[in-house]
């Protein structure tokens, strides 16, 4: 989709009711489905993080940026994610966290990002994080400067590809719940995107389709 066309739809995204679990569960491993329905997050005393779902123009077309995390000794090693990270007490709010971390991880200055909408927080059991996703737009083409300590690669995902049902697959993976489990996932540029990132993407995708399909 042309970026200028996409910008015309952005104001219509703001009042859309978030589908929350109804979207998350589409991309949830089966072992997580019951947990999602009965989860008492407050009892977990989770750590807080925030991520940015950032849309921007590239060659006039709308793109969404994702990152490939570096390999490390942790539960999210080498996974596909959004730019973002842990809330710091110096942050004004969770939106500020998402903006700061996006700058630190991929080099996009906060003043270049217009935050559009706060999406449903996602609890991640293996790391005990409650992640607050924000959708943002940058109105000009971006140059990315990834932090080599945290980011192995940048993925620039065209919106047209993201909205295509053909990227939704099932993959056999080893998860924190089971070895060789069949899980729903997105196939994006030779990467398998699953778990929390896929569940957040699912809600973003459903909200976008509500607006874009309703105006087509």
N, C-alpha and C. Protein backbone atom coordinates (compact mmCIF):
# COMPACT_ATOMS: atom_id res chain seq x y z
N UNK A 1 0.84 -1.20 0.00
CA UNK A 1 0.00 0.00 0.00
C UNK A 1 0.87 1.24 0.00
N UNK A 2 0.50 2.22 -0.84
CA UNK A 2 1.20 3.50 -0.83
C UNK A 2 1.10 4.14 0.55
N UNK A 3 2.21 4.72 1.01
CA UNK A 3 2.24 5.27 2.36
C UNK A 3 1.28 6.44 2.52
N UNK A 4 1.14 7.26 1.51
CA UNK A 4 0.23 8.39 1.61
C UNK A 4 -1.21 7.91 1.72
N UNK A 5 -1.56 6.82 1.07
CA UNK A 5 -2.89 6.23 1.22
C UNK A 5 -3.06 5.69 2.64
N UNK A 6 -2.02 5.02 3.14
CA UNK A 6 -2.07 4.47 4.49
C UNK A 6 -2.32 5.57 5.53
N UNK A 7 -1.67 6.70 5.36
CA UNK A 7 -1.83 7.80 6.31
C UNK A 7 -3.27 8.27 6.42
N UNK A 8 -4.03 8.15 5.34
CA UNK A 8 -5.43 8.58 5.37
C UNK A 8 -6.27 7.69 6.29
N UNK A 9 -5.84 6.43 6.45
CA UNK A 9 -6.58 5.50 7.31
C UNK A 9 -6.19 5.59 8.78
N UNK A 10 -5.03 6.15 9.05
CA UNK A 10 -4.50 6.13 10.43
C UNK A 10 -5.47 6.71 11.45
N UNK A 11 -6.12 7.88 11.20
CA UNK A 11 -7.06 8.40 12.22
C UNK A 11 -8.20 7.43 12.54
N UNK A 12 -8.57 6.59 11.58
CA UNK A 12 -9.66 5.64 11.81
C UNK A 12 -9.24 4.47 12.69
N UNK A 13 -7.93 4.29 12.88
CA UNK A 13 -7.45 3.21 13.75
C UNK A 13 -7.64 3.53 15.22
N UNK A 14 -7.62 4.82 15.54
CA UNK A 14 -7.60 5.24 16.94
C UNK A 14 -8.83 4.76 17.72
N UNK A 15 -10.07 4.91 17.18
CA UNK A 15 -11.23 4.50 17.98
C UNK A 15 -11.57 3.01 17.93
N UNK A 16 -10.83 2.23 17.13
CA UNK A 16 -11.17 0.81 16.98
C UNK A 16 -10.99 0.08 18.31
N UNK A 17 -12.01 -0.67 18.70
CA UNK A 17 -11.92 -1.46 19.93
C UNK A 17 -10.92 -2.59 19.74
N UNK A 18 -10.04 -2.76 20.70
CA UNK A 18 -9.01 -3.78 20.59
C UNK A 18 -9.59 -5.18 20.80
N UNK A 19 -9.28 -6.12 19.91
CA UNK A 19 -9.81 -7.48 20.06
C UNK A 19 -9.11 -8.30 21.13
N UNK A 20 -7.94 -7.87 21.57
CA UNK A 20 -7.23 -8.47 22.70
C UNK A 20 -7.08 -9.99 22.55
N UNK A 21 -7.57 -10.74 23.53
CA UNK A 21 -7.37 -12.20 23.54
C UNK A 21 -7.92 -12.86 22.29
N UNK A 22 -9.01 -12.33 21.73
CA UNK A 22 -9.58 -12.92 20.52
C UNK A 22 -8.58 -12.93 19.38
N UNK A 23 -7.70 -11.93 19.33
CA UNK A 23 -6.64 -11.92 18.33
C UNK A 23 -5.43 -12.72 18.80
N UNK A 24 -5.04 -12.53 20.05
CA UNK A 24 -3.84 -13.20 20.56
C UNK A 24 -3.94 -14.71 20.43
N UNK A 25 -5.12 -15.24 20.69
CA UNK A 25 -5.26 -16.69 20.76
C UNK A 25 -5.11 -17.35 19.39
N UNK A 26 -5.31 -16.57 18.32
CA UNK A 26 -5.13 -17.11 16.96
C UNK A 26 -3.70 -17.57 16.73
N UNK A 27 -2.75 -16.91 17.38
CA UNK A 27 -1.34 -17.23 17.17
C UNK A 27 -0.68 -17.77 18.42
N UNK A 28 -1.49 -18.23 19.36
CA UNK A 28 -0.95 -18.77 20.61
C UNK A 28 -0.72 -20.27 20.50
N UNK A 29 0.42 -20.76 21.00
CA UNK A 29 0.57 -22.21 21.12
C UNK A 29 -0.58 -22.79 21.95
N UNK A 30 -1.01 -23.98 21.59
CA UNK A 30 -2.18 -24.58 22.25
C UNK A 30 -2.01 -24.62 23.76
N UNK A 31 -0.79 -24.87 24.21
CA UNK A 31 -0.54 -24.97 25.64
C UNK A 31 -0.80 -23.66 26.37
N UNK A 32 -0.79 -22.53 25.63
CA UNK A 32 -0.99 -21.23 26.26
C UNK A 32 -2.45 -20.79 26.26
N UNK A 33 -3.29 -21.44 25.47
CA UNK A 33 -4.64 -20.94 25.29
C UNK A 33 -5.43 -20.89 26.59
N UNK A 34 -5.39 -21.99 27.35
CA UNK A 34 -6.13 -22.01 28.60
C UNK A 34 -5.55 -21.03 29.61
N UNK A 35 -4.22 -20.92 29.60
CA UNK A 35 -3.55 -19.98 30.50
C UNK A 35 -3.98 -18.55 30.20
N UNK A 36 -4.10 -18.22 28.94
CA UNK A 36 -4.52 -16.88 28.55
C UNK A 36 -5.90 -16.53 29.12
N UNK A 37 -6.77 -17.52 29.12
CA UNK A 37 -8.15 -17.28 29.56
C UNK A 37 -8.24 -17.09 31.08
N UNK A 38 -7.34 -17.71 31.82
CA UNK A 38 -7.45 -17.71 33.28
C UNK A 38 -6.32 -16.95 33.98
N UNK A 39 -5.59 -16.18 33.22
CA UNK A 39 -4.38 -15.56 33.76
C UNK A 39 -4.68 -14.41 34.72
N UNK A 40 -4.07 -14.45 35.89
CA UNK A 40 -4.10 -13.33 36.84
C UNK A 40 -2.71 -12.70 36.82
N UNK A 41 -2.57 -11.70 35.97
CA UNK A 41 -1.24 -11.12 35.76
C UNK A 41 -0.70 -10.47 37.02
N UNK A 42 -1.58 -9.82 37.78
CA UNK A 42 -1.12 -9.11 38.98
C UNK A 42 -0.44 -10.04 39.97
N UNK A 43 -0.87 -11.28 39.99
CA UNK A 43 -0.28 -12.25 40.92
C UNK A 43 1.15 -12.62 40.52
N UNK A 44 1.50 -12.36 39.28
CA UNK A 44 2.84 -12.71 38.78
C UNK A 44 3.87 -11.62 39.11
N UNK A 45 3.41 -10.43 39.48
CA UNK A 45 4.31 -9.30 39.73
C UNK A 45 5.33 -9.17 38.60
N UNK A 46 4.84 -8.98 37.36
CA UNK A 46 5.74 -9.01 36.21
C UNK A 46 6.63 -7.78 36.10
N UNK A 47 7.73 -7.94 35.41
CA UNK A 47 8.53 -6.81 34.97
C UNK A 47 7.82 -6.16 33.78
N UNK A 48 8.08 -4.88 33.57
CA UNK A 48 7.36 -4.13 32.54
C UNK A 48 8.30 -3.78 31.39
N UNK A 49 7.79 -3.93 30.17
CA UNK A 49 8.52 -3.52 28.98
C UNK A 49 7.54 -2.88 28.00
N UNK A 50 8.08 -2.22 26.99
CA UNK A 50 7.25 -1.61 25.96
C UNK A 50 7.96 -1.74 24.62
N UNK A 51 7.16 -1.91 23.56
CA UNK A 51 7.71 -2.07 22.22
C UNK A 51 6.99 -1.13 21.26
N UNK A 52 7.65 -0.87 20.12
CA UNK A 52 7.09 0.02 19.12
C UNK A 52 6.82 -0.75 17.82
N UNK A 53 5.58 -0.69 17.37
CA UNK A 53 5.18 -1.26 16.09
C UNK A 53 5.19 -0.09 15.10
N UNK A 54 6.31 0.09 14.43
CA UNK A 54 6.58 1.32 13.69
C UNK A 54 6.39 1.15 12.19
N UNK A 55 5.47 1.94 11.65
CA UNK A 55 5.24 1.99 10.21
C UNK A 55 5.91 3.22 9.62
N UNK A 56 6.39 3.07 8.39
CA UNK A 56 7.16 4.15 7.76
C UNK A 56 7.16 3.91 6.24
N UNK A 57 7.49 4.92 5.45
CA UNK A 57 7.56 4.73 4.00
C UNK A 57 8.93 4.26 3.54
N UNK A 58 8.93 3.34 2.60
CA UNK A 58 10.16 2.93 1.92
C UNK A 58 9.83 2.83 0.44
N UNK A 59 10.48 3.64 -0.37
CA UNK A 59 10.16 3.72 -1.80
C UNK A 59 8.67 3.97 -2.03
N UNK A 60 8.09 4.77 -1.13
CA UNK A 60 6.70 5.16 -1.26
C UNK A 60 5.70 4.16 -0.72
N UNK A 61 6.16 2.97 -0.33
CA UNK A 61 5.26 1.93 0.17
C UNK A 61 5.36 1.80 1.69
N UNK A 62 4.26 1.39 2.31
CA UNK A 62 4.20 1.27 3.77
C UNK A 62 4.92 0.02 4.24
N UNK A 63 5.80 0.19 5.23
CA UNK A 63 6.55 -0.92 5.80
C UNK A 63 6.43 -0.90 7.33
N UNK A 64 6.66 -2.07 7.92
CA UNK A 64 6.71 -2.26 9.37
C UNK A 64 8.09 -2.81 9.71
N UNK A 65 8.75 -2.24 10.73
CA UNK A 65 10.08 -2.70 11.08
C UNK A 65 10.04 -3.72 12.23
N UNK A 66 10.80 -4.80 12.05
CA UNK A 66 11.02 -5.80 13.09
C UNK A 66 12.53 -5.97 13.25
N UNK A 67 12.93 -6.59 14.33
CA UNK A 67 14.35 -6.86 14.54
C UNK A 67 14.58 -8.34 14.81
N UNK A 68 15.80 -8.77 14.50
CA UNK A 68 16.26 -10.11 14.89
C UNK A 68 17.19 -9.91 16.08
N UNK A 69 16.82 -10.47 17.21
CA UNK A 69 17.65 -10.29 18.39
C UNK A 69 18.92 -11.13 18.30
N UNK A 70 19.98 -10.63 18.89
CA UNK A 70 21.23 -11.36 18.93
C UNK A 70 21.08 -12.65 19.73
N UNK A 71 21.95 -13.59 19.46
CA UNK A 71 22.01 -14.81 20.26
C UNK A 71 22.62 -14.49 21.62
N UNK A 72 22.00 -14.99 22.66
CA UNK A 72 22.51 -14.79 24.02
C UNK A 72 21.94 -15.88 24.91
N UNK A 73 22.39 -15.94 26.13
CA UNK A 73 21.94 -16.97 27.06
C UNK A 73 20.65 -16.50 27.73
N UNK A 74 19.55 -16.62 27.01
CA UNK A 74 18.26 -16.17 27.54
C UNK A 74 17.13 -16.73 26.72
N UNK A 75 15.89 -16.56 27.23
CA UNK A 75 14.74 -17.21 26.61
C UNK A 75 14.35 -16.61 25.27
N UNK A 76 14.77 -15.38 24.99
CA UNK A 76 14.39 -14.74 23.73
C UNK A 76 15.56 -14.64 22.75
N UNK A 77 16.58 -15.44 22.95
CA UNK A 77 17.75 -15.43 22.09
C UNK A 77 17.37 -15.67 20.64
N UNK A 78 17.88 -14.80 19.74
CA UNK A 78 17.75 -14.94 18.28
C UNK A 78 16.31 -14.85 17.77
N UNK A 79 15.39 -14.44 18.60
CA UNK A 79 13.99 -14.37 18.17
C UNK A 79 13.71 -13.07 17.41
N UNK A 80 12.61 -13.11 16.64
CA UNK A 80 12.12 -11.92 15.95
C UNK A 80 11.29 -11.13 16.94
N UNK A 81 11.47 -9.81 16.93
CA UNK A 81 10.79 -8.97 17.92
C UNK A 81 10.55 -7.58 17.34
N UNK A 82 9.85 -6.78 18.10
CA UNK A 82 9.74 -5.35 17.82
C UNK A 82 10.87 -4.63 18.55
N UNK A 83 11.29 -3.49 18.04
CA UNK A 83 12.21 -2.69 18.86
C UNK A 83 11.53 -2.30 20.17
N UNK A 84 12.25 -2.42 21.25
CA UNK A 84 11.67 -2.11 22.56
C UNK A 84 12.48 -2.73 23.67
N UNK A 85 12.01 -2.54 24.89
CA UNK A 85 12.75 -3.09 26.01
C UNK A 85 12.15 -2.70 27.34
N UNK A 86 12.94 -2.86 28.37
CA UNK A 86 12.47 -2.76 29.75
C UNK A 86 12.19 -1.31 30.17
N UNK A 87 11.12 -1.15 30.92
CA UNK A 87 10.77 0.15 31.51
C UNK A 87 11.82 0.55 32.55
N UNK A 88 12.23 1.82 32.49
CA UNK A 88 13.16 2.38 33.47
C UNK A 88 12.45 3.45 34.29
N UNK A 89 12.85 3.61 35.53
CA UNK A 89 12.13 4.55 36.40
C UNK A 89 12.28 5.98 35.90
N UNK A 90 13.27 6.24 35.05
CA UNK A 90 13.43 7.57 34.48
C UNK A 90 12.46 7.85 33.33
N UNK A 91 11.78 6.80 32.83
CA UNK A 91 10.80 6.98 31.76
C UNK A 91 9.55 7.65 32.30
N UNK A 92 9.01 8.59 31.54
CA UNK A 92 7.80 9.29 31.96
C UNK A 92 6.61 8.34 32.00
N UNK A 93 6.50 7.48 30.99
CA UNK A 93 5.43 6.49 30.93
C UNK A 93 5.88 5.37 30.00
N UNK A 94 4.99 4.40 29.74
CA UNK A 94 5.37 3.25 28.92
C UNK A 94 5.60 3.66 27.46
N UNK A 95 4.87 4.65 26.98
CA UNK A 95 5.11 5.17 25.64
C UNK A 95 6.52 5.71 25.53
N UNK A 96 6.96 6.40 26.57
CA UNK A 96 8.33 6.93 26.61
C UNK A 96 9.34 5.79 26.57
N UNK A 97 9.03 4.69 27.23
CA UNK A 97 9.90 3.52 27.18
C UNK A 97 10.05 3.01 25.76
N UNK A 98 8.92 2.87 25.06
CA UNK A 98 8.95 2.36 23.69
C UNK A 98 9.76 3.28 22.78
N UNK A 99 9.58 4.59 22.94
CA UNK A 99 10.31 5.55 22.11
C UNK A 99 11.81 5.51 22.42
N UNK A 100 12.15 5.48 23.71
CA UNK A 100 13.56 5.47 24.10
C UNK A 100 14.24 4.20 23.60
N UNK A 101 13.61 3.07 23.81
CA UNK A 101 14.22 1.81 23.42
C UNK A 101 14.34 1.68 21.90
N UNK A 102 13.37 2.23 21.17
CA UNK A 102 13.45 2.21 19.71
C UNK A 102 14.65 3.02 19.24
N UNK A 103 14.87 4.14 19.89
CA UNK A 103 16.05 4.94 19.56
C UNK A 103 17.33 4.17 19.88
N UNK A 104 17.37 3.54 21.04
CA UNK A 104 18.58 2.83 21.46
C UNK A 104 18.86 1.61 20.58
N UNK A 105 17.81 0.90 20.18
CA UNK A 105 18.02 -0.36 19.47
C UNK A 105 18.20 -0.19 17.96
N UNK A 106 17.45 0.74 17.34
CA UNK A 106 17.54 0.85 15.88
C UNK A 106 17.85 2.27 15.41
N UNK A 107 18.08 3.21 16.34
CA UNK A 107 18.57 4.52 15.98
C UNK A 107 17.56 5.48 15.40
N UNK A 108 16.26 5.26 15.67
CA UNK A 108 15.23 6.19 15.21
C UNK A 108 14.91 7.16 16.35
N UNK A 109 15.08 8.44 16.10
CA UNK A 109 14.87 9.44 17.14
C UNK A 109 13.39 9.54 17.53
N UNK A 110 13.09 9.73 18.82
CA UNK A 110 11.70 9.82 19.26
C UNK A 110 10.89 10.89 18.54
N UNK A 111 11.52 12.02 18.19
CA UNK A 111 10.77 13.09 17.54
C UNK A 111 10.35 12.75 16.12
N UNK A 112 10.88 11.64 15.57
CA UNK A 112 10.47 11.22 14.23
C UNK A 112 9.25 10.31 14.26
N UNK A 113 8.84 9.93 15.47
CA UNK A 113 7.75 8.95 15.62
C UNK A 113 6.51 9.61 16.21
N UNK A 114 5.39 9.42 15.54
CA UNK A 114 4.09 9.85 16.06
C UNK A 114 3.39 8.61 16.60
N UNK A 115 3.18 8.54 17.90
CA UNK A 115 2.52 7.38 18.51
C UNK A 115 1.02 7.48 18.29
N UNK A 116 0.45 6.44 17.71
CA UNK A 116 -0.95 6.45 17.28
C UNK A 116 -1.87 5.76 18.28
N UNK A 117 -1.43 4.60 18.81
CA UNK A 117 -2.36 3.79 19.60
C UNK A 117 -1.59 2.85 20.52
N UNK A 118 -2.13 2.68 21.72
CA UNK A 118 -1.61 1.71 22.70
C UNK A 118 -2.42 0.43 22.54
N UNK A 119 -1.74 -0.67 22.23
CA UNK A 119 -2.43 -1.95 22.05
C UNK A 119 -2.46 -2.75 23.35
N UNK A 120 -3.12 -3.89 23.31
CA UNK A 120 -3.33 -4.70 24.51
C UNK A 120 -1.99 -5.23 25.05
N UNK A 121 -1.70 -5.02 26.33
CA UNK A 121 -0.47 -5.58 26.91
C UNK A 121 -0.44 -7.10 26.79
N UNK A 122 0.76 -7.62 26.62
CA UNK A 122 0.97 -9.06 26.44
C UNK A 122 1.88 -9.58 27.54
N UNK A 123 1.38 -10.57 28.28
CA UNK A 123 2.20 -11.19 29.32
C UNK A 123 2.99 -12.34 28.70
N UNK A 124 4.31 -12.40 29.02
CA UNK A 124 5.19 -13.44 28.49
C UNK A 124 5.67 -14.30 29.64
N UNK A 125 5.10 -15.48 29.83
CA UNK A 125 5.43 -16.31 30.99
C UNK A 125 6.91 -16.67 31.14
N UNK A 126 7.62 -17.09 30.07
CA UNK A 126 9.00 -17.55 30.30
C UNK A 126 9.91 -16.49 30.91
N UNK A 127 9.68 -15.20 30.57
CA UNK A 127 10.54 -14.14 31.09
C UNK A 127 9.84 -13.28 32.13
N UNK A 128 8.54 -13.55 32.39
CA UNK A 128 7.74 -12.79 33.36
C UNK A 128 7.75 -11.29 33.05
N UNK A 129 7.57 -10.97 31.76
CA UNK A 129 7.44 -9.58 31.33
C UNK A 129 6.01 -9.31 30.91
N UNK A 130 5.52 -8.13 31.25
CA UNK A 130 4.27 -7.62 30.71
C UNK A 130 4.66 -6.54 29.71
N UNK A 131 4.40 -6.79 28.42
CA UNK A 131 4.86 -5.92 27.35
C UNK A 131 3.72 -5.04 26.85
N UNK A 132 3.97 -3.74 26.80
CA UNK A 132 3.00 -2.77 26.29
C UNK A 132 3.36 -2.41 24.85
N UNK A 133 2.55 -2.81 23.87
CA UNK A 133 2.84 -2.48 22.48
C UNK A 133 2.20 -1.14 22.08
N UNK A 134 2.95 -0.35 21.34
CA UNK A 134 2.45 0.92 20.80
C UNK A 134 2.63 0.91 19.29
N UNK A 135 1.62 1.41 18.60
CA UNK A 135 1.75 1.61 17.16
C UNK A 135 2.20 3.04 16.91
N UNK A 136 3.22 3.18 16.06
CA UNK A 136 3.71 4.51 15.72
C UNK A 136 3.92 4.63 14.23
N UNK A 137 3.97 5.86 13.75
CA UNK A 137 4.28 6.10 12.35
C UNK A 137 5.41 7.13 12.25
N UNK A 138 6.27 6.93 11.27
CA UNK A 138 7.26 7.93 10.88
C UNK A 138 6.88 8.38 9.48
N UNK A 139 6.81 9.67 9.26
CA UNK A 139 6.29 10.18 7.99
C UNK A 139 7.36 10.32 6.90
N UNK A 140 8.59 9.96 7.22
CA UNK A 140 9.65 10.05 6.21
C UNK A 140 10.44 8.75 6.19
N UNK A 141 11.15 8.54 5.10
CA UNK A 141 11.97 7.33 5.01
C UNK A 141 13.02 7.33 6.12
N UNK A 142 13.32 6.14 6.62
CA UNK A 142 14.19 6.02 7.78
C UNK A 142 15.50 5.32 7.42
N UNK A 143 16.54 5.70 8.11
CA UNK A 143 17.79 4.95 8.11
C UNK A 143 17.93 4.31 9.49
N UNK A 144 18.24 3.04 9.51
CA UNK A 144 18.34 2.32 10.77
C UNK A 144 19.80 2.13 11.16
N UNK A 145 20.06 2.30 12.46
CA UNK A 145 21.40 2.14 13.01
C UNK A 145 21.30 1.19 14.20
N UNK A 146 21.26 -0.12 13.91
CA UNK A 146 21.03 -1.10 14.98
C UNK A 146 22.16 -1.16 15.99
N UNK A 147 21.80 -1.34 17.24
CA UNK A 147 22.76 -1.55 18.31
C UNK A 147 23.28 -2.98 18.18
N UNK A 148 24.54 -3.13 17.82
CA UNK A 148 25.09 -4.46 17.52
C UNK A 148 25.13 -5.36 18.75
N UNK A 149 25.01 -4.78 19.94
CA UNK A 149 24.98 -5.60 21.15
C UNK A 149 23.66 -6.35 21.30
N UNK A 150 22.58 -5.81 20.71
CA UNK A 150 21.26 -6.39 20.91
C UNK A 150 20.58 -6.84 19.63
N UNK A 151 20.92 -6.23 18.50
CA UNK A 151 20.18 -6.45 17.26
C UNK A 151 21.10 -7.08 16.21
N UNK A 152 20.71 -8.26 15.74
CA UNK A 152 21.51 -8.95 14.72
C UNK A 152 21.14 -8.50 13.31
N UNK A 153 19.88 -8.13 13.10
CA UNK A 153 19.44 -7.73 11.76
C UNK A 153 18.13 -6.95 11.87
N UNK A 154 17.86 -6.19 10.82
CA UNK A 154 16.61 -5.44 10.68
C UNK A 154 15.76 -6.13 9.62
N UNK A 155 14.47 -6.26 9.90
CA UNK A 155 13.51 -6.78 8.91
C UNK A 155 12.58 -5.64 8.53
N UNK A 156 12.53 -5.32 7.24
CA UNK A 156 11.61 -4.30 6.74
C UNK A 156 10.47 -5.02 6.02
N UNK A 157 9.32 -5.07 6.66
CA UNK A 157 8.19 -5.87 6.21
C UNK A 157 7.17 -5.00 5.50
N UNK A 158 6.95 -5.21 4.20
CA UNK A 158 5.91 -4.44 3.51
C UNK A 158 4.52 -4.74 4.10
N UNK A 159 3.71 -3.71 4.23
CA UNK A 159 2.36 -3.89 4.77
C UNK A 159 1.57 -4.88 3.93
N UNK A 160 1.74 -4.84 2.62
CA UNK A 160 1.00 -5.75 1.73
C UNK A 160 1.31 -7.21 2.04
N UNK A 161 2.56 -7.49 2.40
CA UNK A 161 2.95 -8.85 2.77
C UNK A 161 2.38 -9.21 4.14
N UNK A 162 2.45 -8.29 5.08
CA UNK A 162 1.94 -8.53 6.43
C UNK A 162 0.46 -8.89 6.42
N UNK A 163 -0.31 -8.27 5.53
CA UNK A 163 -1.76 -8.50 5.49
C UNK A 163 -2.15 -9.70 4.65
N UNK A 164 -1.17 -10.34 4.00
CA UNK A 164 -1.44 -11.49 3.15
C UNK A 164 -1.57 -12.75 4.01
N UNK A 165 -2.69 -13.46 3.87
CA UNK A 165 -2.93 -14.66 4.69
C UNK A 165 -1.91 -15.76 4.43
N UNK A 166 -1.19 -15.70 3.32
CA UNK A 166 -0.26 -16.78 2.99
C UNK A 166 0.94 -16.83 3.93
N UNK A 167 1.17 -15.77 4.70
CA UNK A 167 2.31 -15.81 5.62
C UNK A 167 1.98 -16.53 6.92
N UNK A 168 0.72 -16.90 7.12
CA UNK A 168 0.32 -17.62 8.34
C UNK A 168 0.54 -19.11 8.12
N UNK A 169 1.33 -19.72 9.00
CA UNK A 169 1.70 -21.13 8.85
C UNK A 169 1.59 -21.83 10.20
N UNK A 170 1.86 -23.13 10.20
CA UNK A 170 2.11 -23.87 11.43
C UNK A 170 3.54 -24.40 11.36
N UNK A 171 4.24 -24.30 12.45
CA UNK A 171 5.63 -24.73 12.49
C UNK A 171 5.87 -25.64 13.69
N UNK A 172 6.77 -26.58 13.54
CA UNK A 172 7.15 -27.46 14.65
C UNK A 172 8.37 -26.88 15.34
N UNK A 173 8.19 -26.50 16.59
CA UNK A 173 9.25 -25.80 17.33
C UNK A 173 9.35 -26.36 18.74
N UNK A 174 10.50 -26.16 19.36
CA UNK A 174 10.65 -26.46 20.78
C UNK A 174 10.36 -25.18 21.55
N UNK A 175 9.38 -25.25 22.45
CA UNK A 175 8.96 -24.09 23.22
C UNK A 175 9.21 -24.33 24.70
N UNK A 176 8.88 -23.33 25.51
CA UNK A 176 9.01 -23.50 26.96
C UNK A 176 7.97 -24.47 27.50
N UNK A 177 6.98 -24.81 26.67
CA UNK A 177 5.91 -25.71 27.10
C UNK A 177 6.17 -27.15 26.68
N UNK A 178 6.77 -27.33 25.50
CA UNK A 178 6.93 -28.68 24.98
C UNK A 178 7.98 -28.70 23.87
N UNK A 179 8.61 -29.86 23.70
CA UNK A 179 9.53 -30.05 22.57
C UNK A 179 8.73 -30.49 21.35
N UNK A 180 9.16 -30.04 20.20
CA UNK A 180 8.52 -30.42 18.94
C UNK A 180 7.01 -30.17 18.96
N UNK A 181 6.65 -28.97 19.38
CA UNK A 181 5.25 -28.58 19.43
C UNK A 181 4.85 -27.92 18.11
N UNK A 182 3.62 -28.17 17.67
CA UNK A 182 3.09 -27.53 16.47
C UNK A 182 2.45 -26.21 16.88
N UNK A 183 3.00 -25.10 16.38
CA UNK A 183 2.52 -23.79 16.82
C UNK A 183 2.17 -22.93 15.61
N UNK A 184 1.17 -22.06 15.75
CA UNK A 184 0.88 -21.10 14.68
C UNK A 184 1.99 -20.05 14.63
N UNK A 185 2.28 -19.58 13.43
CA UNK A 185 3.38 -18.64 13.26
C UNK A 185 3.20 -17.85 11.97
N UNK A 186 4.01 -16.80 11.84
CA UNK A 186 4.12 -16.06 10.59
C UNK A 186 5.45 -16.43 9.93
N UNK A 187 5.42 -16.66 8.63
CA UNK A 187 6.65 -16.86 7.87
C UNK A 187 6.99 -15.54 7.20
N UNK A 188 8.04 -14.89 7.69
CA UNK A 188 8.40 -13.54 7.24
C UNK A 188 9.87 -13.53 6.84
N UNK A 189 10.11 -13.38 5.54
CA UNK A 189 11.47 -13.25 5.01
C UNK A 189 12.40 -14.33 5.56
N UNK A 190 11.96 -15.57 5.43
CA UNK A 190 12.73 -16.75 5.85
C UNK A 190 12.91 -16.85 7.37
N UNK A 191 12.12 -16.10 8.11
CA UNK A 191 12.11 -16.20 9.57
C UNK A 191 10.75 -16.73 10.04
N UNK A 192 10.78 -17.53 11.10
CA UNK A 192 9.55 -18.00 11.73
C UNK A 192 9.27 -17.10 12.93
N UNK A 193 8.14 -16.41 12.87
CA UNK A 193 7.77 -15.48 13.95
C UNK A 193 6.63 -16.11 14.73
N UNK A 194 6.87 -16.37 16.01
CA UNK A 194 5.87 -17.09 16.81
C UNK A 194 5.87 -16.50 18.23
N UNK A 195 5.06 -17.09 19.08
CA UNK A 195 5.02 -16.66 20.48
C UNK A 195 4.45 -15.27 20.64
N UNK A 196 5.00 -14.53 21.59
CA UNK A 196 4.44 -13.23 21.95
C UNK A 196 4.44 -12.24 20.78
N UNK A 197 5.52 -12.23 20.00
CA UNK A 197 5.57 -11.30 18.88
C UNK A 197 4.47 -11.62 17.87
N UNK A 198 4.27 -12.89 17.59
CA UNK A 198 3.20 -13.28 16.66
C UNK A 198 1.83 -12.92 17.22
N UNK A 199 1.65 -13.07 18.51
CA UNK A 199 0.35 -12.76 19.12
C UNK A 199 0.06 -11.26 19.08
N UNK A 200 1.09 -10.44 19.31
CA UNK A 200 0.93 -8.99 19.20
C UNK A 200 0.68 -8.60 17.76
N UNK A 201 1.42 -9.21 16.84
CA UNK A 201 1.21 -8.96 15.41
C UNK A 201 -0.22 -9.32 15.00
N UNK A 202 -0.76 -10.36 15.58
CA UNK A 202 -2.11 -10.79 15.24
C UNK A 202 -3.14 -9.71 15.58
N UNK A 203 -2.99 -9.10 16.75
CA UNK A 203 -3.92 -8.02 17.10
C UNK A 203 -3.73 -6.82 16.18
N UNK A 204 -2.49 -6.46 15.92
CA UNK A 204 -2.22 -5.35 15.01
C UNK A 204 -2.85 -5.63 13.64
N UNK A 205 -2.68 -6.83 13.15
CA UNK A 205 -3.21 -7.22 11.84
C UNK A 205 -4.73 -7.13 11.83
N UNK A 206 -5.38 -7.60 12.87
CA UNK A 206 -6.84 -7.58 12.93
C UNK A 206 -7.37 -6.14 12.96
N UNK A 207 -6.71 -5.29 13.71
CA UNK A 207 -7.14 -3.88 13.78
C UNK A 207 -6.96 -3.21 12.42
N UNK A 208 -5.82 -3.44 11.77
CA UNK A 208 -5.60 -2.86 10.47
C UNK A 208 -6.63 -3.35 9.46
N UNK A 209 -6.92 -4.66 9.48
CA UNK A 209 -7.89 -5.20 8.54
C UNK A 209 -9.30 -4.65 8.80
N UNK A 210 -9.64 -4.39 10.05
CA UNK A 210 -10.94 -3.82 10.36
C UNK A 210 -11.13 -2.48 9.65
N UNK A 211 -10.07 -1.68 9.67
CA UNK A 211 -10.14 -0.34 9.06
C UNK A 211 -9.95 -0.40 7.55
N UNK A 212 -8.91 -1.13 7.10
CA UNK A 212 -8.60 -1.13 5.67
C UNK A 212 -9.67 -1.87 4.87
N UNK A 213 -10.13 -3.01 5.37
CA UNK A 213 -11.17 -3.75 4.65
C UNK A 213 -12.50 -3.02 4.69
N UNK A 214 -12.73 -2.29 5.78
CA UNK A 214 -13.99 -1.55 5.90
C UNK A 214 -14.06 -0.34 5.01
N UNK A 215 -12.89 0.07 4.47
CA UNK A 215 -12.85 1.24 3.61
C UNK A 215 -12.44 0.91 2.19
N UNK A 216 -12.41 -0.39 1.89
CA UNK A 216 -11.98 -0.79 0.54
C UNK A 216 -13.16 -0.78 -0.44
